Amino acid sequence: MKVFYFLFIAVCSTVDVYPQSKAIFIRRDSLLKAETTSFHPKNSNPFALVAGGSKGIGYAIAEALALRQYNLILVARHHTPLLEAKEKLENKYNIQVEIMSYDLSKRTSAAEISKWCIKNDIPLKMLCNVAGLGGTNDYLKVPLDTLYYMVNLNIESCMSLSLQLLPLLEKNAPSFILNVSSMAGFAPIPSKNMYSATKSAVTFFSYNLRHQLKKRNISVSCLHPGPVFTKPSIKADTKRRLGFIGMQMAVPPSRVGETAVRETLNGKMIIVPGTLAKITSGFTRIMPRGMLASIYGSLGEE
């Protein structure tokens, strides 16, 4: 019974995939124009668009796609990481990589990205909605502007890109949509109220969209990673809060990316990388939500 208790603690306290540990006001007027202004196909390979593909899990997904000879469109806020990712992927895999600098929390971003893709008739076979915001601070601890930013980035960008790129995905069917949720999307987490809420929204959106797009030959999958050490602070926080169990649940970014792409291409709906994470998520998904929320209360985490 003690083992199950620690497993519940582990999933409930899952370290964020997208860390933003400081409670800061996010600038919402920082839309960056697309770096890509024209398109010239260099080969006949299919394309995948990875929103949030410049680093972390997004980059790992991009690399797994590059390994399969997908050309890539990488979207992220900052130009320098995008340029570095482009150079590494093109040099290593001999593919074509286009980069676009956008703040995906802005409603206009998805429209401009989609407009460019449709205008250039990109042979899009996969859309990967990876961009998101998490962190050690959440509801009651951060400014309202940051909470709006989290909702817009975690939910709205995923919804908008999926809808506006449907014409290309349908044209190039069979095709795929991969949405990135989290283990936190399986349970209510008081200390991560908005994060778990937005990620559960991504999960249910993915279930519904999979049903809606089945007849269009578009497969929808949803990735639920546990702890992923994309930076030293995440590893330290996992070790401090979860100890041995948390460290055993952790999966390297490269393995997460490979698992996500492989199982998406195989048509799997729920993707949970790592054996221990799979077991933990299984228990969490059958437990009453009120009971899970109470476990957090007993931990004294608000």
C-alpha atoms as a PDB file:
ATOM      1  CA  MET A   1       0.000   0.000   0.000  1.00  0.00           C
ATOM      2  CA  LYS A   2       2.915   2.302   0.782  1.00  0.00           C
ATOM      3  CA  VAL A   3       4.261   1.785  -2.739  1.00  0.00           C
ATOM      4  CA  PHE A   4       0.918   2.864  -4.242  1.00  0.00           C
ATOM      5  CA  TYR A   5       0.930   5.944  -2.015  1.00  0.00           C
ATOM      6  CA  PHE A   6       4.309   7.008  -3.363  1.00  0.00           C
ATOM      7  CA  LEU A   7       3.147   6.291  -6.903  1.00  0.00           C
ATOM      8  CA  PHE A   8       0.189   8.615  -6.384  1.00  0.00           C
ATOM      9  CA  ILE A   9       2.519  11.267  -4.994  1.00  0.00           C
ATOM     10  CA  ALA A  10       4.758  10.829  -7.995  1.00  0.00           C
ATOM     11  CA  VAL A  11       2.082  11.309 -10.614  1.00  0.00           C
ATOM     12  CA  CYS A  12       0.423  14.131  -8.711  1.00  0.00           C
ATOM     13  CA  SER A  13       3.710  15.950  -8.365  1.00  0.00           C
ATOM     14  CA  THR A  14       4.938  15.287 -11.871  1.00  0.00           C
ATOM     15  CA  VAL A  15       7.635  17.741 -12.803  1.00  0.00           C
ATOM     16  CA  ASP A  16       6.581  20.144 -15.508  1.00  0.00           C
ATOM     17  CA  VAL A  17       7.650  19.528 -19.047  1.00  0.00           C
ATOM     18  CA  TYR A  18       7.721  23.266 -19.714  1.00  0.00           C
ATOM     19  CA  PRO A  19       9.339  24.937 -16.693  1.00  0.00           C
ATOM     20  CA  GLN A  20       8.767  28.605 -15.901  1.00  0.00           C
ATOM     21  CA  SER A  21       9.623  28.681 -12.218  1.00  0.00           C
ATOM     22  CA  LYS A  22       9.391  32.411 -11.587  1.00  0.00           C
ATOM     23  CA  ALA A  23       6.127  34.260 -11.124  1.00  0.00           C
ATOM     24  CA  ILE A  24       6.590  36.974 -13.700  1.00  0.00           C
ATOM     25  CA  PHE A  25       4.402  39.100 -15.893  1.00  0.00           C
ATOM     26  CA  ILE A  26       4.533  37.770 -19.420  1.00  0.00           C
ATOM     27  CA  ARG A  27       4.695  40.318 -22.191  1.00  0.00           C
ATOM     28  CA  ARG A  28       1.787  39.647 -24.505  1.00  0.00           C
ATOM     29  CA  ASP A  29       2.756  42.060 -27.240  1.00  0.00           C
ATOM     30  CA  SER A  30       5.939  40.237 -28.191  1.00  0.00           C
ATOM     31  CA  LEU A  31       4.771  38.611 -31.415  1.00  0.00           C
ATOM     32  CA  LEU A  32       7.752  37.947 -33.639  1.00  0.00           C
ATOM     33  CA  LYS A  33       7.249  37.867 -37.382  1.00  0.00           C
ATOM     34  CA  ALA A  34       7.940  34.676 -39.274  1.00  0.00           C
ATOM     35  CA  GLU A  35      11.555  34.120 -40.213  1.00  0.00           C
ATOM     36  CA  THR A  36      10.366  32.160 -43.235  1.00  0.00           C
ATOM     37  CA  THR A  37       9.161  34.498 -45.969  1.00  0.00           C
ATOM     38  CA  SER A  38       9.389  32.225 -49.002  1.00  0.00           C
ATOM     39  CA  PHE A  39       9.373  28.495 -49.579  1.00  0.00           C
ATOM     40  CA  HIS A  40      11.402  26.427 -52.023  1.00  0.00           C
ATOM     41  CA  PRO A  41      11.088  22.627 -51.693  1.00  0.00           C
ATOM     42  CA  LYS A  42      14.464  20.893 -51.717  1.00  0.00           C
ATOM     43  CA  ASN A  43      13.174  17.321 -51.890  1.00  0.00           C
ATOM     44  CA  SER A  44       9.943  15.318 -52.075  1.00  0.00           C
ATOM     45  CA  ASN A  45       9.850  14.345 -48.392  1.00  0.00           C
ATOM     46  CA  PRO A  46       6.695  14.955 -46.338  1.00  0.00           C
ATOM     47  CA  PHE A  47       6.632  17.787 -43.799  1.00  0.00           C
ATOM     48  CA  ALA A  48       5.868  17.906 -40.090  1.00  0.00           C
ATOM     49  CA  LEU A  49       5.198  21.110 -38.171  1.00  0.00           C
ATOM     50  CA  VAL A  50       6.427  21.140 -34.567  1.00  0.00           C
ATOM     51  CA  ALA A  51       5.072  23.997 -32.451  1.00  0.00           C
ATOM     52  CA  GLY A  52       7.594  24.447 -29.662  1.00  0.00           C
ATOM     53  CA  GLY A  53      10.221  22.499 -31.577  1.00  0.00           C
ATOM     54  CA  SER A  54      13.393  24.442 -30.810  1.00  0.00           C
ATOM     55  CA  LYS A  55      14.363  22.630 -27.595  1.00  0.00           C
ATOM     56  CA  GLY A  56      13.364  20.087 -24.954  1.00  0.00           C
ATOM     57  CA  ILE A  57      10.691  17.548 -25.845  1.00  0.00           C
ATOM     58  CA  GLY A  58       9.765  19.522 -28.946  1.00  0.00           C
ATOM     59  CA  TYR A  59      13.281  19.234 -30.312  1.00  0.00           C
ATOM     60  CA  ALA A  60      13.385  15.513 -29.421  1.00  0.00           C
ATOM     61  CA  ILE A  61      10.169  14.982 -31.391  1.00  0.00           C
ATOM     62  CA  ALA A  62      11.621  16.964 -34.293  1.00  0.00           C
ATOM     63  CA  GLU A  63      14.755  14.816 -34.255  1.00  0.00           C
ATOM     64  CA  ALA A  64      12.741  11.586 -34.217  1.00  0.00           C
ATOM     65  CA  LEU A  65      10.853  12.866 -37.259  1.00  0.00           C
ATOM     66  CA  ALA A  66      14.078  13.924 -38.981  1.00  0.00           C
ATOM     67  CA  LEU A  67      15.419  10.409 -38.440  1.00  0.00           C
ATOM     68  CA  ARG A  68      12.449   9.219 -40.506  1.00  0.00           C
ATOM     69  CA  GLN A  69      13.297  11.764 -43.219  1.00  0.00           C
ATOM     70  CA  TYR A  70      10.495  14.207 -42.498  1.00  0.00           C
ATOM     71  CA  ASN A  71      11.196  17.784 -43.484  1.00  0.00           C
ATOM     72  CA  LEU A  72      10.340  20.149 -40.640  1.00  0.00           C
ATOM     73  CA  ILE A  73       8.732  23.464 -39.849  1.00  0.00           C
ATOM     74  CA  LEU A  74       9.832  24.514 -36.359  1.00  0.00           C
ATOM     75  CA  VAL A  75       7.882  27.216 -34.521  1.00  0.00           C
ATOM     76  CA  ALA A  76       8.956  28.922 -31.284  1.00  0.00           C
ATOM     77  CA  ARG A  77       9.221  32.387 -29.751  1.00  0.00           C
ATOM     78  CA  HIS A  78      12.975  32.925 -29.963  1.00  0.00           C
ATOM     79  CA  HIS A  79      15.072  33.014 -33.117  1.00  0.00           C
ATOM     80  CA  THR A  80      18.454  31.832 -31.803  1.00  0.00           C
ATOM     81  CA  PRO A  81      17.336  28.395 -30.491  1.00  0.00           C
ATOM     82  CA  LEU A  82      15.361  27.893 -33.713  1.00  0.00           C
ATOM     83  CA  LEU A  83      18.389  28.660 -35.843  1.00  0.00           C
ATOM     84  CA  GLU A  84      20.563  26.318 -33.769  1.00  0.00           C
ATOM     85  CA  ALA A  85      17.996  23.529 -34.086  1.00  0.00           C
ATOM     86  CA  LYS A  86      17.732  24.083 -37.846  1.00  0.00           C
ATOM     87  CA  GLU A  87      21.494  23.856 -38.346  1.00  0.00           C
ATOM     88  CA  LYS A  88      21.861  20.702 -36.239  1.00  0.00           C
ATOM     89  CA  LEU A  89      18.982  18.860 -37.866  1.00  0.00           C
ATOM     90  CA  GLU A  90      19.843  19.802 -41.438  1.00  0.00           C
ATOM     91  CA  ASN A  91      23.509  18.902 -41.009  1.00  0.00           C
ATOM     92  CA  LYS A  92      22.854  15.586 -39.272  1.00  0.00           C
ATOM     93  CA  TYR A  93      19.870  14.280 -41.256  1.00  0.00           C
ATOM     94  CA  ASN A  94      20.106  16.049 -44.628  1.00  0.00           C
ATOM     95  CA  ILE A  95      16.521  17.306 -44.489  1.00  0.00           C
ATOM     96  CA  GLN A  96      14.868  20.682 -45.070  1.00  0.00           C
ATOM     97  CA  VAL A  97      14.039  22.736 -41.977  1.00  0.00           C
ATOM     98  CA  GLU A  98      12.022  25.957 -42.063  1.00  0.00           C
ATOM     99  CA  ILE A  99      11.844  28.106 -38.941  1.00  0.00           C
ATOM    100  CA  MET A 100       9.145  30.545 -37.838  1.00  0.00           C
ATOM    101  CA  SER A 101       9.416  32.849 -34.810  1.00  0.00           C
ATOM    102  CA  TYR A 102       6.020  33.394 -33.213  1.00  0.00           C
ATOM    103  CA  ASP A 103       4.542  33.816 -29.769  1.00  0.00           C
ATOM    104  CA  LEU A 104       1.985  31.014 -29.897  1.00  0.00           C
ATOM    105  CA  SER A 105      -0.050  32.514 -27.066  1.00  0.00           C
ATOM    106  CA  LYS A 106      -1.222  35.204 -29.512  1.00  0.00           C
ATOM    107  CA  ARG A 107      -4.376  34.394 -31.454  1.00  0.00           C
ATOM    108  CA  THR A 108      -2.959  35.869 -34.633  1.00  0.00           C
ATOM    109  CA  SER A 109       0.044  33.515 -34.598  1.00  0.00           C
ATOM    110  CA  ALA A 110      -1.794  30.336 -35.593  1.00  0.00           C
ATOM    111  CA  ALA A 111      -3.589  32.192 -38.372  1.00  0.00           C
ATOM    112  CA  GLU A 112      -0.360  33.590 -39.845  1.00  0.00           C
ATOM    113  CA  ILE A 113       1.474  30.265 -39.584  1.00  0.00           C
ATOM    114  CA  SER A 114      -1.405  28.401 -41.228  1.00  0.00           C
ATOM    115  CA  LYS A 115      -1.776  31.029 -43.927  1.00  0.00           C
ATOM    116  CA  TRP A 116       1.890  30.643 -44.879  1.00  0.00           C
ATOM    117  CA  CYS A 117       1.654  26.844 -44.939  1.00  0.00           C
ATOM    118  CA  ILE A 118      -1.496  26.831 -47.077  1.00  0.00           C
ATOM    119  CA  LYS A 119      -0.181  29.520 -49.433  1.00  0.00           C
ATOM    120  CA  ASN A 120       2.935  27.438 -50.080  1.00  0.00           C
ATOM    121  CA  ASP A 121       0.951  24.183 -50.302  1.00  0.00           C
ATOM    122  CA  ILE A 122       3.188  22.459 -47.743  1.00  0.00           C
ATOM    123  CA  PRO A 123       2.864  18.646 -48.007  1.00  0.00           C
ATOM    124  CA  LEU A 124       2.012  18.481 -44.306  1.00  0.00           C
ATOM    125  CA  LYS A 125       1.664  14.965 -42.887  1.00  0.00           C
ATOM    126  CA  MET A 126       1.991  15.655 -39.169  1.00  0.00           C
ATOM    127  CA  LEU A 127       1.203  18.496 -36.761  1.00  0.00           C
ATOM    128  CA  CYS A 128       2.854  18.354 -33.336  1.00  0.00           C
ATOM    129  CA  ASN A 129       1.418  20.727 -30.719  1.00  0.00           C
ATOM    130  CA  VAL A 130       4.178  20.724 -28.132  1.00  0.00           C
ATOM    131  CA  ALA A 131       4.403  24.341 -26.970  1.00  0.00           C
ATOM    132  CA  GLY A 132       3.275  24.883 -23.408  1.00  0.00           C
ATOM    133  CA  LEU A 133       3.909  26.560 -20.074  1.00  0.00           C
ATOM    134  CA  GLY A 134       4.195  24.985 -16.634  1.00  0.00           C
ATOM    135  CA  GLY A 135       6.358  25.671 -13.622  1.00  0.00           C
ATOM    136  CA  THR A 136       6.581  25.330  -9.862  1.00  0.00           C
ATOM    137  CA  ASN A 137       4.240  28.291  -9.319  1.00  0.00           C
ATOM    138  CA  ASP A 138       0.600  28.217 -10.354  1.00  0.00           C
ATOM    139  CA  TYR A 139      -2.867  29.532  -9.402  1.00  0.00           C
ATOM    140  CA  LEU A 140      -2.900  31.782  -6.286  1.00  0.00           C
ATOM    141  CA  LYS A 141       0.840  32.356  -6.731  1.00  0.00           C
ATOM    142  CA  VAL A 142       1.238  34.096 -10.084  1.00  0.00           C
ATOM    143  CA  PRO A 143      -0.187  37.220 -11.746  1.00  0.00           C
ATOM    144  CA  LEU A 144      -3.422  36.906 -13.687  1.00  0.00           C
ATOM    145  CA  ASP A 145      -1.577  37.831 -16.878  1.00  0.00           C
ATOM    146  CA  THR A 146       0.615  34.736 -16.517  1.00  0.00           C
ATOM    147  CA  LEU A 147      -2.450  32.535 -15.990  1.00  0.00           C
ATOM    148  CA  TYR A 148      -4.017  33.919 -19.171  1.00  0.00           C
ATOM    149  CA  TYR A 149      -0.756  33.234 -20.972  1.00  0.00           C
ATOM    150  CA  MET A 150      -0.761  29.606 -19.764  1.00  0.00           C
ATOM    151  CA  VAL A 151      -4.335  29.026 -20.898  1.00  0.00           C
ATOM    152  CA  ASN A 152      -3.698  30.617 -24.290  1.00  0.00           C
ATOM    153  CA  LEU A 153      -0.467  28.745 -24.913  1.00  0.00           C
ATOM    154  CA  ASN A 154      -1.436  25.334 -23.529  1.00  0.00           C
ATOM    155  CA  ILE A 155      -4.958  25.126 -24.965  1.00  0.00           C
ATOM    156  CA  GLU A 156      -5.731  27.827 -27.500  1.00  0.00           C
ATOM    157  CA  SER A 157      -2.640  27.395 -29.677  1.00  0.00           C
ATOM    158  CA  CYS A 158      -3.249  23.646 -29.891  1.00  0.00           C
ATOM    159  CA  MET A 159      -6.895  24.159 -30.825  1.00  0.00           C
ATOM    160  CA  SER A 160      -6.167  26.919 -33.347  1.00  0.00           C
ATOM    161  CA  LEU A 161      -3.326  25.245 -35.215  1.00  0.00           C
ATOM    162  CA  SER A 162      -5.216  21.952 -35.410  1.00  0.00           C
ATOM    163  CA  LEU A 163      -8.290  23.585 -36.913  1.00  0.00           C
ATOM    164  CA  GLN A 164      -6.558  25.946 -39.319  1.00  0.00           C
ATOM    165  CA  LEU A 165      -4.143  23.330 -40.660  1.00  0.00           C
ATOM    166  CA  LEU A 166      -6.866  20.716 -41.217  1.00  0.00           C
ATOM    167  CA  PRO A 167      -7.133  21.497 -44.947  1.00  0.00           C
ATOM    168  CA  LEU A 168      -3.482  20.567 -45.488  1.00  0.00           C
ATOM    169  CA  LEU A 169      -3.618  17.522 -43.218  1.00  0.00           C
ATOM    170  CA  GLU A 170      -6.719  16.268 -45.005  1.00  0.00           C
ATOM    171  CA  LYS A 171      -5.179  16.909 -48.406  1.00  0.00           C
ATOM    172  CA  ASN A 172      -2.123  14.857 -47.442  1.00  0.00           C
ATOM    173  CA  ALA A 173      -3.972  12.087 -45.591  1.00  0.00           C
ATOM    174  CA  PRO A 174      -3.261   9.680 -44.089  1.00  0.00           C
ATOM    175  CA  SER A 175      -1.868  12.219 -41.663  1.00  0.00           C
ATOM    176  CA  PHE A 176      -1.359  12.742 -37.947  1.00  0.00           C
ATOM    177  CA  ILE A 177      -1.840  15.193 -35.080  1.00  0.00           C
ATOM    178  CA  LEU A 178       0.237  14.788 -31.925  1.00  0.00           C
ATOM    179  CA  ASN A 179      -0.850  16.872 -28.939  1.00  0.00           C
ATOM    180  CA  VAL A 180       1.352  17.043 -25.843  1.00  0.00           C
ATOM    181  CA  SER A 181      -0.393  16.852 -22.498  1.00  0.00           C
ATOM    182  CA  SER A 182       1.277  15.602 -19.285  1.00  0.00           C
ATOM    183  CA  MET A 183       0.874  13.026 -16.548  1.00  0.00           C
ATOM    184  CA  ALA A 184      -0.618  15.992 -14.693  1.00  0.00           C
ATOM    185  CA  GLY A 185      -3.456  15.892 -17.211  1.00  0.00           C
ATOM    186  CA  PHE A 186      -4.753  12.684 -15.618  1.00  0.00           C
ATOM    187  CA  ALA A 187      -5.442  14.118 -12.152  1.00  0.00           C
ATOM    188  CA  PRO A 188      -6.562  17.261 -10.307  1.00  0.00           C
ATOM    189  CA  ILE A 189      -3.525  18.848  -8.664  1.00  0.00           C
ATOM    190  CA  PRO A 190      -4.275  21.736  -6.279  1.00  0.00           C
ATOM    191  CA  SER A 191      -0.678  22.977  -6.242  1.00  0.00           C
ATOM    192  CA  LYS A 192      -0.689  22.964 -10.055  1.00  0.00           C
ATOM    193  CA  ASN A 193      -4.293  23.939 -10.559  1.00  0.00           C
ATOM    194  CA  MET A 194      -4.111  25.670 -13.936  1.00  0.00           C
ATOM    195  CA  TYR A 195      -1.393  23.430 -15.342  1.00  0.00           C
ATOM    196  CA  SER A 196      -3.274  20.188 -14.644  1.00  0.00           C
ATOM    197  CA  ALA A 197      -6.526  21.817 -15.791  1.00  0.00           C
ATOM    198  CA  THR A 198      -5.069  22.956 -19.122  1.00  0.00           C
ATOM    199  CA  LYS A 199      -3.372  19.622 -19.717  1.00  0.00           C
ATOM    200  CA  SER A 200      -6.545  17.670 -18.952  1.00  0.00           C
ATOM    201  CA  ALA A 201      -8.276  19.936 -21.485  1.00  0.00           C
ATOM    202  CA  VAL A 202      -5.678  18.937 -24.081  1.00  0.00           C
ATOM    203  CA  THR A 203      -6.295  15.273 -23.264  1.00  0.00           C
ATOM    204  CA  PHE A 204     -10.081  15.449 -23.715  1.00  0.00           C
ATOM    205  CA  PHE A 205      -9.726  17.665 -26.779  1.00  0.00           C
ATOM    206  CA  SER A 206      -7.515  14.978 -28.302  1.00  0.00           C
ATOM    207  CA  TYR A 207      -9.985  12.177 -27.537  1.00  0.00           C
ATOM    208  CA  ASN A 208     -12.805  14.122 -29.139  1.00  0.00           C
ATOM    209  CA  LEU A 209     -10.788  15.254 -32.143  1.00  0.00           C
ATOM    210  CA  ARG A 210      -9.641  11.689 -32.813  1.00  0.00           C
ATOM    211  CA  HIS A 211     -13.268  10.634 -33.104  1.00  0.00           C
ATOM    212  CA  GLN A 212     -14.185  13.598 -35.315  1.00  0.00           C
ATOM    213  CA  LEU A 213     -11.297  13.150 -37.757  1.00  0.00           C
ATOM    214  CA  LYS A 214     -11.323   9.374 -38.065  1.00  0.00           C
ATOM    215  CA  LYS A 215     -13.364   9.411 -41.279  1.00  0.00           C
ATOM    216  CA  ARG A 216     -10.969  11.974 -42.755  1.00  0.00           C
ATOM    217  CA  ASN A 217      -8.074   9.545 -42.299  1.00  0.00           C
ATOM    218  CA  ILE A 218      -6.343  11.827 -39.759  1.00  0.00           C
ATOM    219  CA  SER A 219      -5.111  10.056 -36.623  1.00  0.00           C
ATOM    220  CA  VAL A 220      -4.902  12.021 -33.352  1.00  0.00           C
ATOM    221  CA  SER A 221      -2.588  11.045 -30.488  1.00  0.00           C
ATOM    222  CA  CYS A 222      -1.860  12.570 -27.090  1.00  0.00           C
ATOM    223  CA  LEU A 223       1.493  12.361 -25.297  1.00  0.00           C
ATOM    224  CA  HIS A 224       1.565  12.256 -21.473  1.00  0.00           C
ATOM    225  CA  PRO A 225       5.177  12.432 -20.275  1.00  0.00           C
ATOM    226  CA  GLY A 226       6.169  12.218 -16.628  1.00  0.00           C
ATOM    227  CA  PRO A 227       9.403  13.804 -15.370  1.00  0.00           C
ATOM    228  CA  VAL A 228      11.695  14.745 -18.254  1.00  0.00           C
ATOM    229  CA  PHE A 229      15.034  16.319 -17.403  1.00  0.00           C
ATOM    230  CA  THR A 230      15.282  19.004 -20.061  1.00  0.00           C
ATOM    231  CA  LYS A 231      17.275  21.252 -17.700  1.00  0.00           C
ATOM    232  CA  PRO A 232      19.221  20.779 -14.410  1.00  0.00           C
ATOM    233  CA  SER A 233      16.598  22.538 -12.278  1.00  0.00           C
ATOM    234  CA  ILE A 234      13.965  19.936 -13.233  1.00  0.00           C
ATOM    235  CA  LYS A 235      16.230  17.098 -12.154  1.00  0.00           C
ATOM    236  CA  ALA A 236      16.998  18.809  -8.851  1.00  0.00           C
ATOM    237  CA  ASP A 237      13.316  19.509  -8.161  1.00  0.00           C
ATOM    238  CA  THR A 238      12.354  15.918  -8.997  1.00  0.00           C
ATOM    239  CA  LYS A 239      14.986  14.515  -6.674  1.00  0.00           C
ATOM    240  CA  ARG A 240      14.019  16.892  -3.863  1.00  0.00           C
ATOM    241  CA  ARG A 241      10.266  16.309  -4.038  1.00  0.00           C
ATOM    242  CA  LEU A 242       9.935  12.743  -5.294  1.00  0.00           C
ATOM    243  CA  GLY A 243      13.192  11.090  -4.313  1.00  0.00           C
ATOM    244  CA  PHE A 244      13.913   7.608  -5.629  1.00  0.00           C
ATOM    245  CA  ILE A 245      10.462   7.078  -7.199  1.00  0.00           C
ATOM    246  CA  GLY A 246      10.654  10.313  -9.155  1.00  0.00           C
ATOM    247  CA  MET A 247      14.137   9.578 -10.436  1.00  0.00           C
ATOM    248  CA  GLN A 248      13.044   6.127 -11.584  1.00  0.00           C
ATOM    249  CA  MET A 249      10.039   7.587 -13.419  1.00  0.00           C
ATOM    250  CA  ALA A 250      12.173  10.048 -15.372  1.00  0.00           C
ATOM    251  CA  VAL A 251      12.625   9.407 -19.083  1.00  0.00           C
ATOM    252  CA  PRO A 252      15.302  11.091 -21.267  1.00  0.00           C
ATOM    253  CA  PRO A 253      13.973  13.626 -23.809  1.00  0.00           C
ATOM    254  CA  SER A 254      15.324  11.603 -26.726  1.00  0.00           C
ATOM    255  CA  ARG A 255      13.374   8.528 -25.612  1.00  0.00           C
ATOM    256  CA  VAL A 256      10.218  10.601 -25.128  1.00  0.00           C
ATOM    257  CA  GLY A 257      10.548  12.006 -28.637  1.00  0.00           C
ATOM    258  CA  GLU A 258      11.195   8.626 -30.233  1.00  0.00           C
ATOM    259  CA  THR A 259       8.332   6.959 -28.354  1.00  0.00           C
ATOM    260  CA  ALA A 260       5.954   9.798 -29.196  1.00  0.00           C
ATOM    261  CA  VAL A 261       6.671   9.710 -32.926  1.00  0.00           C
ATOM    262  CA  ARG A 262       6.738   5.928 -33.229  1.00  0.00           C
ATOM    263  CA  GLU A 263       3.440   5.414 -31.419  1.00  0.00           C
ATOM    264  CA  THR A 264       1.772   8.341 -33.183  1.00  0.00           C
ATOM    265  CA  LEU A 265       2.659   6.826 -36.549  1.00  0.00           C
ATOM    266  CA  ASN A 266       1.265   3.521 -35.254  1.00  0.00           C
ATOM    267  CA  GLY A 267      -2.046   5.237 -34.504  1.00  0.00           C
ATOM    268  CA  LYS A 268      -1.965   4.995 -30.704  1.00  0.00           C
ATOM    269  CA  MET A 269      -4.166   7.452 -28.801  1.00  0.00           C
ATOM    270  CA  ILE A 270      -2.638   7.751 -25.301  1.00  0.00           C
ATOM    271  CA  ILE A 271       1.161   7.680 -25.201  1.00  0.00           C
ATOM    272  CA  VAL A 272       2.953   7.437 -21.831  1.00  0.00           C
ATOM    273  CA  PRO A 273       6.740   6.960 -22.125  1.00  0.00           C
ATOM    274  CA  GLY A 274       8.370   4.756 -19.495  1.00  0.00           C
ATOM    275  CA  THR A 275       7.221   1.567 -17.745  1.00  0.00           C
ATOM    276  CA  LEU A 276       6.816   3.045 -14.260  1.00  0.00           C
ATOM    277  CA  ALA A 277       4.996   6.056 -15.662  1.00  0.00           C
ATOM    278  CA  LYS A 278       2.594   3.755 -17.529  1.00  0.00           C
ATOM    279  CA  ILE A 279       1.820   1.833 -14.341  1.00  0.00           C
ATOM    280  CA  THR A 280       1.349   5.008 -12.332  1.00  0.00           C
ATOM    281  CA  SER A 281      -0.889   6.593 -14.956  1.00  0.00           C
ATOM    282  CA  GLY A 282      -3.024   3.456 -15.002  1.00  0.00           C
ATOM    283  CA  PHE A 283      -3.756   3.724 -11.283  1.00  0.00           C
ATOM    284  CA  THR A 284      -4.339   7.460 -11.527  1.00  0.00           C
ATOM    285  CA  ARG A 285      -6.845   7.183 -14.373  1.00  0.00           C
ATOM    286  CA  ILE A 286      -9.100   4.789 -12.432  1.00  0.00           C
ATOM    287  CA  MET A 287      -8.977   6.578  -9.077  1.00  0.00           C
ATOM    288  CA  PRO A 288     -11.835   8.914  -8.090  1.00  0.00           C
ATOM    289  CA  ARG A 289     -10.836  12.495  -8.820  1.00  0.00           C
ATOM    290  CA  GLY A 290     -11.930  13.699  -5.379  1.00  0.00           C
ATOM    291  CA  MET A 291      -9.716  11.125  -3.711  1.00  0.00           C
ATOM    292  CA  LEU A 292      -6.719  12.199  -5.783  1.00  0.00           C
ATOM    293  CA  ALA A 293      -7.305  15.838  -4.891  1.00  0.00           C
ATOM    294  CA  SER A 294      -7.517  14.872  -1.211  1.00  0.00           C
ATOM    295  CA  ILE A 295      -4.142  13.166  -1.418  1.00  0.00           C
ATOM    296  CA  TYR A 296      -2.630  16.491  -2.376  1.00  0.00           C
ATOM    297  CA  GLY A 297      -4.343  18.157   0.541  1.00  0.00           C
ATOM    298  CA  SER A 298      -2.806  15.573   2.888  1.00  0.00           C
ATOM    299  CA  LEU A 299       0.597  16.490   1.497  1.00  0.00           C
ATOM    300  CA  GLY A 300       0.092  20.068   2.612  1.00  0.00           C
ATOM    301  CA  GLU A 301       0.624  21.571  -0.853  1.00  0.00           C
ATOM    302  CA  GLU A 302      -2.438  23.861  -0.767  1.00  0.00           C
END
